[in-house]
C-alpha atoms as a PDB file:
ATOM      1  CA  MET A   1     -69.996 142.100  -3.230  1.00  0.00           C
ATOM      2  CA  THR A   2     -72.011 141.995  -0.178  1.00  0.00           C
ATOM      3  CA  SER A   3     -72.053 138.228   1.244  1.00  0.00           C
ATOM      4  CA  GLU A   4     -74.820 136.864   3.005  1.00  0.00           C
ATOM      5  CA  LEU A   5     -72.889 135.024   5.917  1.00  0.00           C
ATOM      6  CA  THR A   6     -75.133 132.040   7.081  1.00  0.00           C
ATOM      7  CA  ILE A   7     -74.549 129.763  10.162  1.00  0.00           C
ATOM      8  CA  ILE A   8     -75.884 126.367   9.230  1.00  0.00           C
ATOM      9  CA  ALA A   9     -76.719 123.584  12.167  1.00  0.00           C
ATOM     10  CA  ALA A  10     -79.015 120.993  13.453  1.00  0.00           C
ATOM     11  CA  ALA A  11     -79.639 121.289  17.141  1.00  0.00           C
ATOM     12  CA  SER A  12     -82.092 119.548  19.516  1.00  0.00           C
ATOM     13  CA  ASN A  13     -84.947 121.321  21.630  1.00  0.00           C
ATOM     14  CA  ASN A  14     -82.206 121.599  24.514  1.00  0.00           C
ATOM     15  CA  ASN A  15     -79.577 123.009  21.908  1.00  0.00           C
ATOM     16  CA  VAL A  16     -77.548 119.873  21.718  1.00  0.00           C
ATOM     17  CA  ILE A  17     -75.504 119.627  18.343  1.00  0.00           C
ATOM     18  CA  GLY A  18     -73.258 116.899  19.408  1.00  0.00           C
ATOM     19  CA  ASN A  19     -71.528 114.201  21.505  1.00  0.00           C
ATOM     20  CA  ASN A  20     -68.165 113.062  21.750  1.00  0.00           C
ATOM     21  CA  ASN A  21     -67.232 114.808  18.371  1.00  0.00           C
ATOM     22  CA  LYS A  22     -70.306 113.052  16.384  1.00  0.00           C
ATOM     23  CA  LEU A  23     -73.853 114.189  15.159  1.00  0.00           C
ATOM     24  CA  ILE A  24     -76.404 112.390  17.481  1.00  0.00           C
ATOM     25  CA  TRP A  25     -79.215 111.627  14.954  1.00  0.00           C
ATOM     26  CA  HIS A  26     -79.196 110.955  11.431  1.00  0.00           C
ATOM     27  CA  ILE A  27     -81.719 112.726   9.388  1.00  0.00           C
ATOM     28  CA  PRO A  28     -81.032 112.302   5.772  1.00  0.00           C
ATOM     29  CA  LYS A  29     -83.147 114.751   4.705  1.00  0.00           C
ATOM     30  CA  ASP A  30     -81.263 117.272   6.756  1.00  0.00           C
ATOM     31  CA  LEU A  31     -78.018 115.829   5.317  1.00  0.00           C
ATOM     32  CA  MET A  32     -79.246 116.583   1.613  1.00  0.00           C
ATOM     33  CA  ARG A  33     -80.542 119.801   2.890  1.00  0.00           C
ATOM     34  CA  PHE A  34     -77.072 120.860   4.196  1.00  0.00           C
ATOM     35  CA  LYS A  35     -75.067 119.528   0.976  1.00  0.00           C
ATOM     36  CA  GLU A  36     -77.564 121.502  -1.207  1.00  0.00           C
ATOM     37  CA  LEU A  37     -77.250 124.885   0.524  1.00  0.00           C
ATOM     38  CA  THR A  38     -73.457 124.588   1.011  1.00  0.00           C
ATOM     39  CA  LEU A  39     -72.515 123.146  -2.383  1.00  0.00           C
ATOM     40  CA  ASN A  40     -69.951 125.533  -4.237  1.00  0.00           C
ATOM     41  CA  HIS A  41     -69.829 127.790  -1.058  1.00  0.00           C
ATOM     42  CA  SER A  42     -67.072 128.427   1.477  1.00  0.00           C
ATOM     43  CA  ILE A  43     -67.538 126.526   4.916  1.00  0.00           C
ATOM     44  CA  ILE A  44     -66.041 127.878   8.088  1.00  0.00           C
ATOM     45  CA  MET A  45     -65.521 125.286  10.812  1.00  0.00           C
ATOM     46  CA  GLY A  46     -63.640 124.443  13.892  1.00  0.00           C
ATOM     47  CA  ARG A  47     -60.926 121.951  13.999  1.00  0.00           C
ATOM     48  CA  LYS A  48     -62.967 119.640  16.133  1.00  0.00           C
ATOM     49  CA  THR A  49     -65.689 119.716  13.367  1.00  0.00           C
ATOM     50  CA  PHE A  50     -63.400 119.366  10.653  1.00  0.00           C
ATOM     51  CA  GLU A  51     -61.752 116.214  12.344  1.00  0.00           C
ATOM     52  CA  SER A  52     -65.360 114.705  12.835  1.00  0.00           C
ATOM     53  CA  LEU A  53     -65.631 114.367   8.825  1.00  0.00           C
ATOM     54  CA  PRO A  54     -64.186 111.955   6.995  1.00  0.00           C
ATOM     55  CA  ASN A  55     -62.242 114.059   4.411  1.00  0.00           C
ATOM     56  CA  PRO A  56     -62.581 117.680   3.560  1.00  0.00           C
ATOM     57  CA  LEU A  57     -66.091 118.431   1.865  1.00  0.00           C
ATOM     58  CA  PRO A  58     -66.180 118.173  -2.014  1.00  0.00           C
ATOM     59  CA  ASN A  59     -67.041 121.114  -4.005  1.00  0.00           C
ATOM     60  CA  ARG A  60     -66.542 123.710  -1.059  1.00  0.00           C
ATOM     61  CA  LEU A  61     -63.750 125.779   0.103  1.00  0.00           C
ATOM     62  CA  ASN A  62     -63.011 124.004   3.290  1.00  0.00           C
ATOM     63  CA  ILE A  63     -61.785 126.752   6.050  1.00  0.00           C
ATOM     64  CA  VAL A  64     -60.633 125.631   9.622  1.00  0.00           C
ATOM     65  CA  VAL A  65     -60.435 128.043  12.419  1.00  0.00           C
ATOM     66  CA  THR A  66     -57.783 126.495  15.050  1.00  0.00           C
ATOM     67  CA  ARG A  67     -55.318 128.063  17.610  1.00  0.00           C
ATOM     68  CA  ASN A  68     -52.950 125.500  16.368  1.00  0.00           C
ATOM     69  CA  THR A  69     -50.752 127.445  13.977  1.00  0.00           C
ATOM     70  CA  ASN A  70     -48.730 124.298  12.870  1.00  0.00           C
ATOM     71  CA  TYR A  71     -52.322 122.515  12.114  1.00  0.00           C
ATOM     72  CA  LYS A  72     -52.291 121.059   8.393  1.00  0.00           C
ATOM     73  CA  HIS A  73     -54.240 118.983   6.390  1.00  0.00           C
ATOM     74  CA  GLU A  74     -54.490 118.693   2.491  1.00  0.00           C
ATOM     75  CA  GLY A  75     -57.576 120.233   0.908  1.00  0.00           C
ATOM     76  CA  ILE A  76     -58.146 122.816   3.541  1.00  0.00           C
ATOM     77  CA  ILE A  77     -57.081 126.443   4.646  1.00  0.00           C
ATOM     78  CA  VAL A  78     -56.365 126.805   8.021  1.00  0.00           C
ATOM     79  CA  CYS A  79     -56.939 130.122   9.729  1.00  0.00           C
ATOM     80  CA  GLU A  80     -56.009 131.491  13.306  1.00  0.00           C
ATOM     81  CA  SER A  81     -59.306 133.523  13.639  1.00  0.00           C
ATOM     82  CA  ILE A  82     -62.851 133.937  12.117  1.00  0.00           C
ATOM     83  CA  LYS A  83     -61.576 137.317  10.813  1.00  0.00           C
ATOM     84  CA  GLU A  84     -58.980 135.864   8.811  1.00  0.00           C
ATOM     85  CA  ALA A  85     -61.226 133.057   7.952  1.00  0.00           C
ATOM     86  CA  LEU A  86     -64.040 135.440   6.665  1.00  0.00           C
ATOM     87  CA  ALA A  87     -61.388 137.185   4.495  1.00  0.00           C
ATOM     88  CA  HIS A  88     -61.069 134.019   2.465  1.00  0.00           C
ATOM     89  CA  CYS A  89     -64.541 134.265   1.548  1.00  0.00           C
ATOM     90  CA  LYS A  90     -64.806 137.621   0.434  1.00  0.00           C
ATOM     91  CA  ASP A  91     -65.800 136.654  -3.347  1.00  0.00           C
ATOM     92  CA  ASP A  92     -68.404 134.049  -2.248  1.00  0.00           C
ATOM     93  CA  SER A  93     -71.950 135.641  -2.016  1.00  0.00           C
ATOM     94  CA  GLN A  94     -72.839 133.050   0.771  1.00  0.00           C
ATOM     95  CA  PRO A  95     -70.120 131.725   3.051  1.00  0.00           C
ATOM     96  CA  PHE A  96     -71.345 129.088   5.853  1.00  0.00           C
ATOM     97  CA  ILE A  97     -70.381 128.825   9.491  1.00  0.00           C
ATOM     98  CA  ILE A  98     -70.784 124.945   9.952  1.00  0.00           C
ATOM     99  CA  GLY A  99     -69.686 124.448  13.700  1.00  0.00           C
ATOM    100  CA  GLY A 100     -69.117 123.467  16.126  1.00  0.00           C
ATOM    101  CA  GLY A 101     -70.501 125.328  19.327  1.00  0.00           C
ATOM    102  CA  GLU A 102     -67.550 127.524  19.961  1.00  0.00           C
ATOM    103  CA  ILE A 103     -67.589 128.866  16.360  1.00  0.00           C
ATOM    104  CA  TYR A 104     -71.233 129.381  16.536  1.00  0.00           C
ATOM    105  CA  SER A 105     -70.849 131.474  19.621  1.00  0.00           C
ATOM    106  CA  GLN A 106     -68.128 133.503  17.988  1.00  0.00           C
ATOM    107  CA  THR A 107     -70.138 134.249  15.083  1.00  0.00           C
ATOM    108  CA  ILE A 108     -73.870 134.328  15.809  1.00  0.00           C
ATOM    109  CA  GLU A 109     -73.661 138.152  16.214  1.00  0.00           C
ATOM    110  CA  LEU A 110     -71.814 138.654  12.755  1.00  0.00           C
ATOM    111  CA  VAL A 111     -74.325 136.547  10.606  1.00  0.00           C
ATOM    112  CA  ASN A 112     -77.065 137.771   8.376  1.00  0.00           C
ATOM    113  CA  LYS A 113     -78.919 134.369   8.549  1.00  0.00           C
ATOM    114  CA  ILE A 114     -79.485 131.056  10.372  1.00  0.00           C
ATOM    115  CA  GLU A 115     -80.215 127.907   8.556  1.00  0.00           C
ATOM    116  CA  LEU A 116     -81.409 125.583  11.743  1.00  0.00           C
ATOM    117  CA  THR A 117     -82.762 122.132  11.756  1.00  0.00           C
ATOM    118  CA  ARG A 118     -84.586 122.112  15.128  1.00  0.00           C
ATOM    119  CA  VAL A 119     -84.715 118.325  16.305  1.00  0.00           C
ATOM    120  CA  TYR A 120     -87.874 118.336  18.431  1.00  0.00           C
ATOM    121  CA  LYS A 121     -86.312 116.228  21.276  1.00  0.00           C
ATOM    122  CA  ASN A 122     -83.907 116.608  24.304  1.00  0.00           C
ATOM    123  CA  TYR A 123     -80.569 114.739  23.931  1.00  0.00           C
ATOM    124  CA  LYS A 124     -77.670 114.541  26.052  1.00  0.00           C
ATOM    125  CA  GLY A 125     -74.542 116.230  24.596  1.00  0.00           C
ATOM    126  CA  ASP A 126     -71.167 118.073  24.975  1.00  0.00           C
ATOM    127  CA  ALA A 127     -71.510 120.570  22.443  1.00  0.00           C
ATOM    128  CA  PHE A 128     -74.179 123.374  21.932  1.00  0.00           C
ATOM    129  CA  PHE A 129     -75.728 125.585  19.921  1.00  0.00           C
ATOM    130  CA  PRO A 130     -76.086 129.199  21.378  1.00  0.00           C
ATOM    131  CA  ASP A 131     -79.506 130.619  21.917  1.00  0.00           C
ATOM    132  CA  ILE A 132     -80.818 133.202  18.874  1.00  0.00           C
ATOM    133  CA  PRO A 133     -81.090 136.375  19.999  1.00  0.00           C
ATOM    134  CA  GLU A 134     -84.608 137.067  19.354  1.00  0.00           C
ATOM    135  CA  GLU A 135     -84.162 140.890  19.425  1.00  0.00           C
ATOM    136  CA  LYS A 136     -81.930 140.481  16.585  1.00  0.00           C
ATOM    137  CA  PHE A 137     -83.370 137.624  14.374  1.00  0.00           C
ATOM    138  CA  LYS A 138     -86.692 136.901  12.872  1.00  0.00           C
ATOM    139  CA  LEU A 139     -88.035 133.592  11.870  1.00  0.00           C
ATOM    140  CA  ILE A 140     -89.223 133.886   8.423  1.00  0.00           C
ATOM    141  CA  LYS A 141     -89.721 130.122   7.428  1.00  0.00           C
ATOM    142  CA  ASP A 142     -90.793 126.767   9.277  1.00  0.00           C
ATOM    143  CA  ASP A 143     -90.907 123.662   7.405  1.00  0.00           C
ATOM    144  CA  ALA A 144     -91.786 120.955   9.620  1.00  0.00           C
ATOM    145  CA  HIS A 145     -90.811 117.353   8.754  1.00  0.00           C
ATOM    146  CA  GLU A 146     -91.146 113.840  10.629  1.00  0.00           C
ATOM    147  CA  PHE A 147     -88.457 111.194  10.151  1.00  0.00           C
ATOM    148  CA  GLY A 148     -89.628 107.348  10.481  1.00  0.00           C
ATOM    149  CA  GLY A 149     -87.654 104.443  11.656  1.00  0.00           C
ATOM    150  CA  ASN A 150     -88.169 102.707  15.163  1.00  0.00           C
ATOM    151  CA  GLU A 151     -88.113 106.447  16.949  1.00  0.00           C
ATOM    152  CA  LYS A 152     -90.624 109.243  15.007  1.00  0.00           C
ATOM    153  CA  ILE A 153     -88.218 112.302  14.887  1.00  0.00           C
ATOM    154  CA  LYS A 154     -90.210 115.406  14.524  1.00  0.00           C
ATOM    155  CA  TYR A 155     -87.822 118.312  13.157  1.00  0.00           C
ATOM    156  CA  SER A 156     -88.200 121.457  11.248  1.00  0.00           C
ATOM    157  CA  PHE A 157     -86.089 123.356   8.895  1.00  0.00           C
ATOM    158  CA  LEU A 158     -86.110 127.124  10.323  1.00  0.00           C
ATOM    159  CA  THR A 159     -84.789 129.928   8.448  1.00  0.00           C
ATOM    160  CA  TYR A 160     -83.977 133.335  10.669  1.00  0.00           C
ATOM    161  CA  ILE A 161     -82.431 136.362   9.106  1.00  0.00           C
ATOM    162  CA  LYS A 162     -81.073 139.425  10.997  1.00  0.00           C
ATOM    163  CA  LYS A 163     -83.972 142.072  11.786  1.00  0.00           C
END
């Protein structure tokens, strides 16, 4: 079975994805979309991303990539490399890379698809999404939204596929 390896991320205009191991914005539609797309699939993440979650995400195979070979936590598979993590996903039609910045940088050349929530504002942060190589990816969907509250946040769900 050929799987469609997919990055899923939310990044600001200046490619910030987080600060102090936390998400910067709270956009309910983005969280719902994340859940909808990743449910019943494998999700591959770095240790810091995993530690930012309250628990392993339910109804998904949680795979954590870390250099710490003694790292253990109930409900996850620990791998030392992306290659090892991908071996655990061979029966999944669409495994997802869910972060963080280092993992995205290591996998952006490997993926077939990128599901990106682009938040149209600049933020300060310490974790970044890599630039999408435009010569390798084509934008096929741009679904624009706005989130209310005190501060109107404009964002789009962008889908890129490998050319």
